[in-house]
Amino acid sequence: MTAKTELSAPKRRTRAEVQQLVAEFVSSGMRPSEFCQSRGFSFSTLDRHLKKRRWKRRRRPVPSAGRLVPVELAAKKSPTQHEPSCGLAVVLPGGRRIEVHPDFDTSTFERLVGILERA
């Protein structure tokens, strides 16, 4: 009884196939190990592509990145005028305004910018 067993390397998937499988996993609701076993997909490959996907989402470009935007410099008011001044003011399209006062806490500002970038 001589049976010849053939060992073959696993089929190499195209980038599109891998991206399709990752998208299927995300929408499947299955645990990674279950999904990989059911599809004959390597857990390390799935994990690597999920990390890439998360990294790309964090690095999404800001819509105006790379473009110049108009900037107005406000004239400094005389000390006799008692309007509260700010260190920096950004007026966004739609009328939203972000003001940062000179004594504003930097760590709070960094957290705010981080939250806005994720939104």
PDB file of N, CA and C in Angstrom:
ATOM      1  N   MET A   1       0.853  -1.167   0.000  1.00  0.00           N
ATOM      2  CA  MET A   1       0.000   0.000   0.000  1.00  0.00           C
ATOM      3  C   MET A   1       0.900   1.232   0.000  1.00  0.00           C
ATOM      4  N   THR A   2       1.053   1.806  -1.133  1.00  0.00           N
ATOM      5  CA  THR A   2       1.884   2.989  -1.258  1.00  0.00           C
ATOM      6  C   THR A   2       1.030   4.127  -1.792  1.00  0.00           C
ATOM      7  N   ALA A   3       0.719   5.025  -0.945  1.00  0.00           N
ATOM      8  CA  ALA A   3      -0.089   6.190  -1.339  1.00  0.00           C
ATOM      9  C   ALA A   3       0.826   7.402  -1.392  1.00  0.00           C
ATOM     10  N   LYS A   4       0.732   8.091  -2.476  1.00  0.00           N
ATOM     11  CA  LYS A   4       1.573   9.271  -2.642  1.00  0.00           C
ATOM     12  C   LYS A   4       0.791  10.498  -2.167  1.00  0.00           C
ATOM     13  N   THR A   5       1.326  11.173  -1.195  1.00  0.00           N
ATOM     14  CA  THR A   5       0.668  12.380  -0.682  1.00  0.00           C
ATOM     15  C   THR A   5       1.352  13.593  -1.272  1.00  0.00           C
ATOM     16  N   GLU A   6       0.548  14.456  -1.795  1.00  0.00           N
ATOM     17  CA  GLU A   6       1.101  15.677  -2.350  1.00  0.00           C
ATOM     18  C   GLU A   6       0.952  16.802  -1.343  1.00  0.00           C
ATOM     19  N   LEU A   7       2.039  17.469  -1.121  1.00  0.00           N
ATOM     20  CA  LEU A   7       2.003  18.648  -0.273  1.00  0.00           C
ATOM     21  C   LEU A   7       2.061  19.853  -1.178  1.00  0.00           C
ATOM     22  N   SER A   8       1.114  20.719  -1.024  1.00  0.00           N
ATOM     23  CA  SER A   8       1.138  21.923  -1.863  1.00  0.00           C
ATOM     24  C   SER A   8       1.107  23.147  -0.963  1.00  0.00           C
ATOM     25  N   ALA A   9       1.722  24.190  -1.452  1.00  0.00           N
ATOM     26  CA  ALA A   9       1.725  25.444  -0.700  1.00  0.00           C
ATOM     27  C   ALA A   9       0.317  26.028  -0.733  1.00  0.00           C
ATOM     28  N   PRO A  10      -0.075  26.726   0.336  1.00  0.00           N
ATOM     29  CA  PRO A  10      -1.399  27.325   0.327  1.00  0.00           C
ATOM     30  C   PRO A  10      -1.523  28.337  -0.814  1.00  0.00           C
ATOM     31  N   LYS A  11      -2.724  28.419  -1.347  1.00  0.00           N
ATOM     32  CA  LYS A  11      -2.967  29.334  -2.458  1.00  0.00           C
ATOM     33  C   LYS A  11      -2.734  30.768  -2.003  1.00  0.00           C
ATOM     34  N   ARG A  12      -2.001  31.511  -2.780  1.00  0.00           N
ATOM     35  CA  ARG A  12      -1.727  32.909  -2.473  1.00  0.00           C
ATOM     36  C   ARG A  12      -2.889  33.748  -2.993  1.00  0.00           C
ATOM     37  N   ARG A  13      -3.483  34.519  -2.100  1.00  0.00           N
ATOM     38  CA  ARG A  13      -4.628  35.343  -2.483  1.00  0.00           C
ATOM     39  C   ARG A  13      -4.168  36.687  -3.023  1.00  0.00           C
ATOM     40  N   THR A  14      -4.965  37.244  -3.902  1.00  0.00           N
ATOM     41  CA  THR A  14      -4.668  38.583  -4.414  1.00  0.00           C
ATOM     42  C   THR A  14      -5.029  39.602  -3.344  1.00  0.00           C
ATOM     43  N   ARG A  15      -4.537  40.805  -3.518  1.00  0.00           N
ATOM     44  CA  ARG A  15      -4.842  41.876  -2.570  1.00  0.00           C
ATOM     45  C   ARG A  15      -6.354  42.104  -2.492  1.00  0.00           C
ATOM     46  N   ALA A  16      -7.014  42.069  -3.641  1.00  0.00           N
ATOM     47  CA  ALA A  16      -8.468  42.276  -3.667  1.00  0.00           C
ATOM     48  C   ALA A  16      -9.199  41.183  -2.893  1.00  0.00           C
ATOM     49  N   GLU A  17      -8.728  39.936  -3.038  1.00  0.00           N
ATOM     50  CA  GLU A  17      -9.358  38.833  -2.303  1.00  0.00           C
ATOM     51  C   GLU A  17      -9.184  39.004  -0.797  1.00  0.00           C
ATOM     52  N   VAL A  18      -7.994  39.412  -0.383  1.00  0.00           N
ATOM     53  CA  VAL A  18      -7.730  39.611   1.043  1.00  0.00           C
ATOM     54  C   VAL A  18      -8.604  40.742   1.575  1.00  0.00           C
ATOM     55  N   GLN A  19      -8.691  41.841   0.834  1.00  0.00           N
ATOM     56  CA  GLN A  19      -9.530  42.960   1.272  1.00  0.00           C
ATOM     57  C   GLN A  19     -10.996  42.547   1.362  1.00  0.00           C
ATOM     58  N   GLN A  20     -11.443  41.716   0.430  1.00  0.00           N
ATOM     59  CA  GLN A  20     -12.823  41.214   0.463  1.00  0.00           C
ATOM     60  C   GLN A  20     -13.048  40.366   1.706  1.00  0.00           C
ATOM     61  N   LEU A  21     -12.087  39.483   2.022  1.00  0.00           N
ATOM     62  CA  LEU A  21     -12.217  38.644   3.212  1.00  0.00           C
ATOM     63  C   LEU A  21     -12.215  39.480   4.489  1.00  0.00           C
ATOM     64  N   VAL A  22     -11.385  40.497   4.547  1.00  0.00           N
ATOM     65  CA  VAL A  22     -11.347  41.369   5.725  1.00  0.00           C
ATOM     66  C   VAL A  22     -12.689  42.083   5.876  1.00  0.00           C
ATOM     67  N   ALA A  23     -13.251  42.564   4.773  1.00  0.00           N
ATOM     68  CA  ALA A  23     -14.558  43.230   4.821  1.00  0.00           C
ATOM     69  C   ALA A  23     -15.641  42.255   5.274  1.00  0.00           C
ATOM     70  N   GLU A  24     -15.566  41.019   4.786  1.00  0.00           N
ATOM     71  CA  GLU A  24     -16.535  39.994   5.217  1.00  0.00           C
ATOM     72  C   GLU A  24     -16.411  39.745   6.715  1.00  0.00           C
ATOM     73  N   PHE A  25     -15.164  39.670   7.200  1.00  0.00           N
ATOM     74  CA  PHE A  25     -14.962  39.439   8.629  1.00  0.00           C
ATOM     75  C   PHE A  25     -15.576  40.566   9.454  1.00  0.00           C
ATOM     76  N   VAL A  26     -15.319  41.806   9.049  1.00  0.00           N
ATOM     77  CA  VAL A  26     -15.806  42.956   9.808  1.00  0.00           C
ATOM     78  C   VAL A  26     -17.332  42.918   9.909  1.00  0.00           C
ATOM     79  N   SER A  27     -17.999  42.540   8.838  1.00  0.00           N
ATOM     80  CA  SER A  27     -19.462  42.530   8.867  1.00  0.00           C
ATOM     81  C   SER A  27     -20.046  41.222   9.397  1.00  0.00           C
ATOM     82  N   SER A  28     -19.204  40.190   9.589  1.00  0.00           N
ATOM     83  CA  SER A  28     -19.707  38.876   9.982  1.00  0.00           C
ATOM     84  C   SER A  28     -20.125  38.780  11.445  1.00  0.00           C
ATOM     85  N   GLY A  29     -19.431  39.504  12.323  1.00  0.00           N
ATOM     86  CA  GLY A  29     -19.725  39.389  13.751  1.00  0.00           C
ATOM     87  C   GLY A  29     -19.114  38.148  14.374  1.00  0.00           C
ATOM     88  N   MET A  30     -18.341  37.401  13.618  1.00  0.00           N
ATOM     89  CA  MET A  30     -17.705  36.186  14.127  1.00  0.00           C
ATOM     90  C   MET A  30     -16.413  36.534  14.861  1.00  0.00           C
ATOM     91  N   ARG A  31     -15.970  35.612  15.703  1.00  0.00           N
ATOM     92  CA  ARG A  31     -14.660  35.770  16.328  1.00  0.00           C
ATOM     93  C   ARG A  31     -13.604  35.535  15.250  1.00  0.00           C
ATOM     94  N   PRO A  32     -12.451  36.202  15.368  1.00  0.00           N
ATOM     95  CA  PRO A  32     -11.419  36.043  14.338  1.00  0.00           C
ATOM     96  C   PRO A  32     -11.017  34.590  14.093  1.00  0.00           C
ATOM     97  N   SER A  33     -10.867  33.818  15.161  1.00  0.00           N
ATOM     98  CA  SER A  33     -10.446  32.421  14.991  1.00  0.00           C
ATOM     99  C   SER A  33     -11.505  31.616  14.234  1.00  0.00           C
ATOM    100  N   GLU A  34     -12.790  31.847  14.545  1.00  0.00           N
ATOM    101  CA  GLU A  34     -13.874  31.148  13.837  1.00  0.00           C
ATOM    102  C   GLU A  34     -13.872  31.509  12.352  1.00  0.00           C
ATOM    103  N   PHE A  35     -13.768  32.800  12.089  1.00  0.00           N
ATOM    104  CA  PHE A  35     -13.808  33.268  10.710  1.00  0.00           C
ATOM    105  C   PHE A  35     -12.653  32.681   9.906  1.00  0.00           C
ATOM    106  N   CYS A  36     -11.447  32.753  10.468  1.00  0.00           N
ATOM    107  CA  CYS A  36     -10.267  32.253   9.762  1.00  0.00           C
ATOM    108  C   CYS A  36     -10.381  30.757   9.483  1.00  0.00           C
ATOM    109  N   GLN A  37     -10.854  30.011  10.455  1.00  0.00           N
ATOM    110  CA  GLN A  37     -10.989  28.569  10.282  1.00  0.00           C
ATOM    111  C   GLN A  37     -12.034  28.256   9.218  1.00  0.00           C
ATOM    112  N   SER A  38     -13.140  28.984   9.201  1.00  0.00           N
ATOM    113  CA  SER A  38     -14.200  28.701   8.232  1.00  0.00           C
ATOM    114  C   SER A  38     -13.808  29.075   6.811  1.00  0.00           C
ATOM    115  N   ARG A  39     -12.897  30.026   6.658  1.00  0.00           N
ATOM    116  CA  ARG A  39     -12.508  30.481   5.323  1.00  0.00           C
ATOM    117  C   ARG A  39     -11.134  29.972   4.882  1.00  0.00           C
ATOM    118  N   GLY A  40     -10.436  29.248   5.766  1.00  0.00           N
ATOM    119  CA  GLY A  40      -9.096  28.783   5.436  1.00  0.00           C
ATOM    120  C   GLY A  40      -8.126  29.952   5.302  1.00  0.00           C
ATOM    121  N   PHE A  41      -8.302  30.899   6.185  1.00  0.00           N
ATOM    122  CA  PHE A  41      -7.563  32.157   6.138  1.00  0.00           C
ATOM    123  C   PHE A  41      -6.650  32.213   7.345  1.00  0.00           C
ATOM    124  N   SER A  42      -5.438  32.664   7.174  1.00  0.00           N
ATOM    125  CA  SER A  42      -4.480  32.738   8.267  1.00  0.00           C
ATOM    126  C   SER A  42      -4.863  33.857   9.234  1.00  0.00           C
ATOM    127  N   PHE A  43      -4.832  33.546  10.525  1.00  0.00           N
ATOM    128  CA  PHE A  43      -5.161  34.545  11.541  1.00  0.00           C
ATOM    129  C   PHE A  43      -4.189  35.722  11.470  1.00  0.00           C
ATOM    130  N   SER A  44      -2.899  35.429  11.248  1.00  0.00           N
ATOM    131  CA  SER A  44      -1.909  36.507  11.215  1.00  0.00           C
ATOM    132  C   SER A  44      -2.154  37.446  10.029  1.00  0.00           C
ATOM    133  N   THR A  45      -2.609  36.900   8.913  1.00  0.00           N
ATOM    134  CA  THR A  45      -2.920  37.744   7.747  1.00  0.00           C
ATOM    135  C   THR A  45      -4.115  38.639   8.054  1.00  0.00           C
ATOM    136  N   LEU A  46      -5.143  38.056   8.655  1.00  0.00           N
ATOM    137  CA  LEU A  46      -6.318  38.853   9.020  1.00  0.00           C
ATOM    138  C   LEU A  46      -5.928  39.957   9.993  1.00  0.00           C
ATOM    139  N   ASP A  47      -5.155  39.597  11.005  1.00  0.00           N
ATOM    140  CA  ASP A  47      -4.737  40.569  12.013  1.00  0.00           C
ATOM    141  C   ASP A  47      -3.922  41.704  11.391  1.00  0.00           C
ATOM    142  N   ARG A  48      -3.003  41.362  10.516  1.00  0.00           N
ATOM    143  CA  ARG A  48      -2.153  42.376   9.861  1.00  0.00           C
ATOM    144  C   ARG A  48      -3.008  43.353   9.037  1.00  0.00           C
ATOM    145  N   HIS A  49      -3.969  42.829   8.304  1.00  0.00           N
ATOM    146  CA  HIS A  49      -4.799  43.692   7.458  1.00  0.00           C
ATOM    147  C   HIS A  49      -5.787  44.523   8.275  1.00  0.00           C
ATOM    148  N   LEU A  50      -6.241  44.001   9.401  1.00  0.00           N
ATOM    149  CA  LEU A  50      -7.102  44.794  10.286  1.00  0.00           C
ATOM    150  C   LEU A  50      -6.314  45.957  10.876  1.00  0.00           C
ATOM    151  N   LYS A  51      -5.049  45.714  11.246  1.00  0.00           N
ATOM    152  CA  LYS A  51      -4.207  46.787  11.775  1.00  0.00           C
ATOM    153  C   LYS A  51      -3.968  47.848  10.716  1.00  0.00           C
ATOM    154  N   LYS A  52      -3.703  47.435   9.474  1.00  0.00           N
ATOM    155  CA  LYS A  52      -3.513  48.397   8.382  1.00  0.00           C
ATOM    156  C   LYS A  52      -4.764  49.240   8.193  1.00  0.00           C
ATOM    157  N   ARG A  53      -5.899  48.584   8.269  1.00  0.00           N
ATOM    158  CA  ARG A  53      -7.180  49.268   8.076  1.00  0.00           C
ATOM    159  C   ARG A  53      -7.395  50.327   9.160  1.00  0.00           C
ATOM    160  N   ARG A  54      -7.093  49.958  10.421  1.00  0.00           N
ATOM    161  CA  ARG A  54      -7.238  50.922  11.519  1.00  0.00           C
ATOM    162  C   ARG A  54      -6.268  52.080  11.353  1.00  0.00           C
ATOM    163  N   TRP A  55      -5.028  51.777  10.934  1.00  0.00           N
ATOM    164  CA  TRP A  55      -4.014  52.805  10.754  1.00  0.00           C
ATOM    165  C   TRP A  55      -4.428  53.793   9.668  1.00  0.00           C
ATOM    166  N   LYS A  56      -4.957  53.294   8.566  1.00  0.00           N
ATOM    167  CA  LYS A  56      -5.390  54.164   7.469  1.00  0.00           C
ATOM    168  C   LYS A  56      -6.537  55.060   7.908  1.00  0.00           C
ATOM    169  N   ARG A  57      -7.437  54.537   8.721  1.00  0.00           N
ATOM    170  CA  ARG A  57      -8.568  55.356   9.190  1.00  0.00           C
ATOM    171  C   ARG A  57      -8.099  56.474  10.092  1.00  0.00           C
ATOM    172  N   ARG A  58      -7.078  56.207  10.910  1.00  0.00           N
ATOM    173  CA  ARG A  58      -6.556  57.255  11.791  1.00  0.00           C
ATOM    174  C   ARG A  58      -5.837  58.326  10.993  1.00  0.00           C
ATOM    175  N   ARG A  59      -5.263  57.975   9.865  1.00  0.00           N
ATOM    176  CA  ARG A  59      -4.477  58.906   9.074  1.00  0.00           C
ATOM    177  C   ARG A  59      -5.274  59.520   7.931  1.00  0.00           C
ATOM    178  N   ARG A  60      -6.595  59.473   8.029  1.00  0.00           N
ATOM    179  CA  ARG A  60      -7.416  60.083   6.982  1.00  0.00           C
ATOM    180  C   ARG A  60      -7.024  61.535   6.826  1.00  0.00           C
ATOM    181  N   PRO A  61      -6.851  61.973   5.601  1.00  0.00           N
ATOM    182  CA  PRO A  61      -6.470  63.370   5.413  1.00  0.00           C
ATOM    183  C   PRO A  61      -7.624  64.312   5.740  1.00  0.00           C
ATOM    184  N   VAL A  62      -7.286  65.448   6.267  1.00  0.00           N
ATOM    185  CA  VAL A  62      -8.263  66.490   6.526  1.00  0.00           C
ATOM    186  C   VAL A  62      -8.692  67.012   5.155  1.00  0.00           C
ATOM    187  N   PRO A  63      -9.992  67.256   4.918  1.00  0.00           N
ATOM    188  CA  PRO A  63     -10.437  67.656   3.593  1.00  0.00           C
ATOM    189  C   PRO A  63      -9.658  68.815   2.984  1.00  0.00           C
ATOM    190  N   SER A  64      -9.210  69.755   3.793  1.00  0.00           N
ATOM    191  CA  SER A  64      -8.501  70.895   3.233  1.00  0.00           C
ATOM    192  C   SER A  64      -6.991  70.716   3.283  1.00  0.00           C
ATOM    193  N   ALA A  65      -6.525  69.515   3.638  1.00  0.00           N
ATOM    194  CA  ALA A  65      -5.087  69.292   3.746  1.00  0.00           C
ATOM    195  C   ALA A  65      -4.419  69.534   2.398  1.00  0.00           C
ATOM    196  N   GLY A  66      -3.344  70.293   2.428  1.00  0.00           N
ATOM    197  CA  GLY A  66      -2.614  70.556   1.208  1.00  0.00           C
ATOM    198  C   GLY A  66      -3.134  71.740   0.420  1.00  0.00           C
ATOM    199  N   ARG A  67      -4.259  72.299   0.829  1.00  0.00           N
ATOM    200  CA  ARG A  67      -4.809  73.456   0.129  1.00  0.00           C
ATOM    201  C   ARG A  67      -4.617  74.684   0.994  1.00  0.00           C
ATOM    202  N   LEU A  68      -4.464  75.809   0.342  1.00  0.00           N
ATOM    203  CA  LEU A  68      -4.363  77.057   1.081  1.00  0.00           C
ATOM    204  C   LEU A  68      -5.754  77.541   1.446  1.00  0.00           C
ATOM    205  N   VAL A  69      -5.873  78.139   2.616  1.00  0.00           N
ATOM    206  CA  VAL A  69      -7.146  78.695   3.047  1.00  0.00           C
ATOM    207  C   VAL A  69      -6.957  80.173   3.333  1.00  0.00           C
ATOM    208  N   PRO A  70      -7.985  80.968   3.087  1.00  0.00           N
ATOM    209  CA  PRO A  70      -7.845  82.396   3.366  1.00  0.00           C
ATOM    210  C   PRO A  70      -7.724  82.651   4.867  1.00  0.00           C
ATOM    211  N   VAL A  71      -6.859  83.579   5.227  1.00  0.00           N
ATOM    212  CA  VAL A  71      -6.628  83.920   6.622  1.00  0.00           C
ATOM    213  C   VAL A  71      -6.716  85.429   6.772  1.00  0.00           C
ATOM    214  N   GLU A  72      -7.404  85.862   7.816  1.00  0.00           N
ATOM    215  CA  GLU A  72      -7.480  87.293   8.113  1.00  0.00           C
ATOM    216  C   GLU A  72      -6.753  87.557   9.414  1.00  0.00           C
ATOM    217  N   LEU A  73      -5.953  88.581   9.432  1.00  0.00           N
ATOM    218  CA  LEU A  73      -5.306  88.984  10.670  1.00  0.00           C
ATOM    219  C   LEU A  73      -6.117  90.120  11.262  1.00  0.00           C
ATOM    220  N   ALA A  74      -6.535  89.943  12.481  1.00  0.00           N
ATOM    221  CA  ALA A  74      -7.322  90.979  13.141  1.00  0.00           C
ATOM    222  C   ALA A  74      -6.376  92.023  13.722  1.00  0.00           C
ATOM    223  N   ALA A  75      -6.765  93.263  13.579  1.00  0.00           N
ATOM    224  CA  ALA A  75      -5.949  94.340  14.139  1.00  0.00           C
ATOM    225  C   ALA A  75      -6.033  94.302  15.652  1.00  0.00           C
ATOM    226  N   LYS A  76      -4.932  94.571  16.289  1.00  0.00           N
ATOM    227  CA  LYS A  76      -4.892  94.581  17.740  1.00  0.00           C
ATOM    228  C   LYS A  76      -5.660  95.804  18.253  1.00  0.00           C
ATOM    229  N   LYS A  77      -6.553  95.585  19.188  1.00  0.00           N
ATOM    230  CA  LYS A  77      -7.350  96.687  19.723  1.00  0.00           C
ATOM    231  C   LYS A  77      -6.570  97.417  20.805  1.00  0.00           C
ATOM    232  N   SER A  78      -6.921  98.629  20.992  1.00  0.00           N
ATOM    233  CA  SER A  78      -6.221  99.425  22.000  1.00  0.00           C
ATOM    234  C   SER A  78      -6.549  98.912  23.400  1.00  0.00           C
ATOM    235  N   PRO A  79      -5.650  99.112  24.355  1.00  0.00           N
ATOM    236  CA  PRO A  79      -5.880  98.613  25.714  1.00  0.00           C
ATOM    237  C   PRO A  79      -7.084  99.253  26.397  1.00  0.00           C
ATOM    238  N   THR A  80      -7.607 100.345  25.855  1.00  0.00           N
ATOM    239  CA  THR A  80      -8.775 100.974  26.482  1.00  0.00           C
ATOM    240  C   THR A  80     -10.045 100.176  26.217  1.00  0.00           C
ATOM    241  N   GLN A  81     -10.054  99.390  25.148  1.00  0.00           N
ATOM    242  CA  GLN A  81     -11.218  98.544  24.873  1.00  0.00           C
ATOM    243  C   GLN A  81     -11.094  97.295  25.735  1.00  0.00           C
ATOM    244  N   HIS A  82     -12.170  96.967  26.429  1.00  0.00           N
ATOM    245  CA  HIS A  82     -12.096  95.874  27.399  1.00  0.00           C
ATOM    246  C   HIS A  82     -12.784  94.602  26.916  1.00  0.00           C
ATOM    247  N   GLU A  83     -12.722  94.307  25.632  1.00  0.00           N
ATOM    248  CA  GLU A  83     -13.283  93.057  25.124  1.00  0.00           C
ATOM    249  C   GLU A  83     -12.331  91.926  25.469  1.00  0.00           C
ATOM    250  N   PRO A  84     -12.878  90.780  25.840  1.00  0.00           N
ATOM    251  CA  PRO A  84     -11.986  89.659  26.128  1.00  0.00           C
ATOM    252  C   PRO A  84     -11.257  89.250  24.849  1.00  0.00           C
ATOM    253  N   SER A  85      -9.968  89.059  24.968  1.00  0.00           N
ATOM    254  CA  SER A  85      -9.206  88.665  23.789  1.00  0.00           C
ATOM    255  C   SER A  85      -8.850  87.186  23.886  1.00  0.00           C
ATOM    256  N   CYS A  86      -8.552  86.612  22.753  1.00  0.00           N
ATOM    257  CA  CYS A  86      -8.140  85.220  22.747  1.00  0.00           C
ATOM    258  C   CYS A  86      -6.782  85.122  22.087  1.00  0.00           C
ATOM    259  N   GLY A  87      -6.093  84.027  22.344  1.00  0.00           N
ATOM    260  CA  GLY A  87      -4.787  83.817  21.746  1.00  0.00           C
ATOM    261  C   GLY A  87      -4.909  83.390  20.300  1.00  0.00           C
ATOM    262  N   LEU A  88      -5.957  82.635  19.988  1.00  0.00           N
ATOM    263  CA  LEU A  88      -6.139  82.106  18.649  1.00  0.00           C
ATOM    264  C   LEU A  88      -7.621  81.877  18.417  1.00  0.00           C
ATOM    265  N   ALA A  89      -8.114  82.242  17.244  1.00  0.00           N
ATOM    266  CA  ALA A  89      -9.512  81.978  16.899  1.00  0.00           C
ATOM    267  C   ALA A  89      -9.563  81.433  15.481  1.00  0.00           C
ATOM    268  N   VAL A  90     -10.277  80.336  15.301  1.00  0.00           N
ATOM    269  CA  VAL A  90     -10.457  79.730  13.981  1.00  0.00           C
ATOM    270  C   VAL A  90     -11.946  79.704  13.713  1.00  0.00           C
ATOM    271  N   VAL A  91     -12.355  80.302  12.588  1.00  0.00           N
ATOM    272  CA  VAL A  91     -13.760  80.293  12.195  1.00  0.00           C
ATOM    273  C   VAL A  91     -13.899  79.319  11.038  1.00  0.00           C
ATOM    274  N   LEU A  92     -14.704  78.295  11.246  1.00  0.00           N
ATOM    275  CA  LEU A  92     -14.875  77.238  10.254  1.00  0.00           C
ATOM    276  C   LEU A  92     -16.056  77.551   9.342  1.00  0.00           C
ATOM    277  N   PRO A  93     -16.088  76.949   8.163  1.00  0.00           N
ATOM    278  CA  PRO A  93     -17.256  77.130   7.305  1.00  0.00           C
ATOM    279  C   PRO A  93     -18.507  76.701   8.068  1.00  0.00           C
ATOM    280  N   GLY A  94     -19.581  77.399   7.880  1.00  0.00           N
ATOM    281  CA  GLY A  94     -20.806  77.083   8.614  1.00  0.00           C
ATOM    282  C   GLY A  94     -20.911  77.878   9.901  1.00  0.00           C
ATOM    283  N   GLY A  95     -19.917  78.727  10.172  1.00  0.00           N
ATOM    284  CA  GLY A  95     -20.008  79.605  11.327  1.00  0.00           C
ATOM    285  C   GLY A  95     -19.453  79.073  12.622  1.00  0.00           C
ATOM    286  N   ARG A  96     -18.973  77.841  12.665  1.00  0.00           N
ATOM    287  CA  ARG A  96     -18.397  77.335  13.912  1.00  0.00           C
ATOM    288  C   ARG A  96     -17.102  78.071  14.198  1.00  0.00           C
ATOM    289  N   ARG A  97     -16.873  78.334  15.457  1.00  0.00           N
ATOM    290  CA  ARG A  97     -15.711  79.115  15.853  1.00  0.00           C
ATOM    291  C   ARG A  97     -14.992  78.390  16.989  1.00  0.00           C
ATOM    292  N   ILE A  98     -13.688  78.302  16.875  1.00  0.00           N
ATOM    293  CA  ILE A  98     -12.870  77.698  17.926  1.00  0.00           C
ATOM    294  C   ILE A  98     -11.932  78.781  18.426  1.00  0.00           C
ATOM    295  N   GLU A  99     -11.994  79.056  19.723  1.00  0.00           N
ATOM    296  CA  GLU A  99     -11.125  80.068  20.319  1.00  0.00           C
ATOM    297  C   GLU A  99     -10.263  79.422  21.385  1.00  0.00           C
ATOM    298  N   VAL A 100      -9.006  79.803  21.396  1.00  0.00           N
ATOM    299  CA  VAL A 100      -8.082  79.322  22.408  1.00  0.00           C
ATOM    300  C   VAL A 100      -7.486  80.549  23.082  1.00  0.00           C
ATOM    301  N   HIS A 101      -7.741  80.682  24.365  1.00  0.00           N
ATOM    302  CA  HIS A 101      -7.236  81.825  25.123  1.00  0.00           C
ATOM    303  C   HIS A 101      -5.774  81.607  25.493  1.00  0.00           C
ATOM    304  N   PRO A 102      -5.036  82.679  25.697  1.00  0.00           N
ATOM    305  CA  PRO A 102      -3.601  82.544  25.985  1.00  0.00           C
ATOM    306  C   PRO A 102      -3.292  81.628  27.168  1.00  0.00           C
ATOM    307  N   ASP A 103      -4.171  81.562  28.164  1.00  0.00           N
ATOM    308  CA  ASP A 103      -3.888  80.723  29.333  1.00  0.00           C
ATOM    309  C   ASP A 103      -4.544  79.339  29.234  1.00  0.00           C
ATOM    310  N   PHE A 104      -4.974  78.943  28.037  1.00  0.00           N
ATOM    311  CA  PHE A 104      -5.648  77.660  27.826  1.00  0.00           C
ATOM    312  C   PHE A 104      -4.673  76.509  28.075  1.00  0.00           C
ATOM    313  N   ASP A 105      -5.158  75.458  28.704  1.00  0.00           N
ATOM    314  CA  ASP A 105      -4.353  74.293  29.047  1.00  0.00           C
ATOM    315  C   ASP A 105      -4.004  73.493  27.788  1.00  0.00           C
ATOM    316  N   THR A 106      -2.718  73.301  27.524  1.00  0.00           N
ATOM    317  CA  THR A 106      -2.286  72.630  26.293  1.00  0.00           C
ATOM    318  C   THR A 106      -2.742  71.183  26.211  1.00  0.00           C
ATOM    319  N   SER A 107      -2.726  70.470  27.308  1.00  0.00           N
ATOM    320  CA  SER A 107      -3.143  69.062  27.249  1.00  0.00           C
ATOM    321  C   SER A 107      -4.627  68.950  26.912  1.00  0.00           C
ATOM    322  N   THR A 108      -5.432  69.862  27.422  1.00  0.00           N
ATOM    323  CA  THR A 108      -6.856  69.871  27.089  1.00  0.00           C
ATOM    324  C   THR A 108      -7.032  70.174  25.602  1.00  0.00           C
ATOM    325  N   PHE A 109      -6.249  71.122  25.090  1.00  0.00           N
ATOM    326  CA  PHE A 109      -6.322  71.468  23.673  1.00  0.00           C
ATOM    327  C   PHE A 109      -5.933  70.267  22.804  1.00  0.00           C
ATOM    328  N   GLU A 110      -4.880  69.531  23.180  1.00  0.00           N
ATOM    329  CA  GLU A 110      -4.463  68.356  22.423  1.00  0.00           C
ATOM    330  C   GLU A 110      -5.552  67.293  22.412  1.00  0.00           C
ATOM    331  N   ARG A 111      -6.213  67.091  23.570  1.00  0.00           N
ATOM    332  CA  ARG A 111      -7.322  66.126  23.624  1.00  0.00           C
ATOM    333  C   ARG A 111      -8.457  66.569  22.723  1.00  0.00           C
ATOM    334  N   LEU A 112      -8.781  67.864  22.732  1.00  0.00           N
ATOM    335  CA  LEU A 112      -9.852  68.399  21.893  1.00  0.00           C
ATOM    336  C   LEU A 112      -9.553  68.177  20.416  1.00  0.00           C
ATOM    337  N   VAL A 113      -8.338  68.483  19.997  1.00  0.00           N
ATOM    338  CA  VAL A 113      -7.959  68.299  18.591  1.00  0.00           C
ATOM    339  C   VAL A 113      -8.037  66.810  18.224  1.00  0.00           C
ATOM    340  N   GLY A 114      -7.597  65.938  19.103  1.00  0.00           N
ATOM    341  CA  GLY A 114      -7.682  64.497  18.856  1.00  0.00           C
ATOM    342  C   GLY A 114      -9.104  64.030  18.654  1.00  0.00           C
ATOM    343  N   ILE A 115     -10.008  64.535  19.472  1.00  0.00           N
ATOM    344  CA  ILE A 115     -11.430  64.170  19.357  1.00  0.00           C
ATOM    345  C   ILE A 115     -12.001  64.701  18.039  1.00  0.00           C
ATOM    346  N   LEU A 116     -11.659  65.918  17.685  1.00  0.00           N
ATOM    347  CA  LEU A 116     -12.158  66.495  16.441  1.00  0.00           C
ATOM    348  C   LEU A 116     -11.622  65.763  15.218  1.00  0.00           C
ATOM    349  N   GLU A 117     -10.383  65.287  15.278  1.00  0.00           N
ATOM    350  CA  GLU A 117      -9.816  64.554  14.153  1.00  0.00           C
ATOM    351  C   GLU A 117     -10.507  63.212  13.952  1.00  0.00           C
ATOM    352  N   ARG A 118     -10.973  62.594  15.026  1.00  0.00           N
ATOM    353  CA  ARG A 118     -11.661  61.306  14.916  1.00  0.00           C
ATOM    354  C   ARG A 118     -13.088  61.456  14.440  1.00  0.00           C
ATOM    355  N   ALA A 119     -13.668  62.635  14.634  1.00  0.00           N
ATOM    356  CA  ALA A 119     -15.079  62.855  14.268  1.00  0.00           C
ATOM    357  C   ALA A 119     -15.274  62.929  12.784  1.00  0.00           C
TER     358      ALA A 119
END
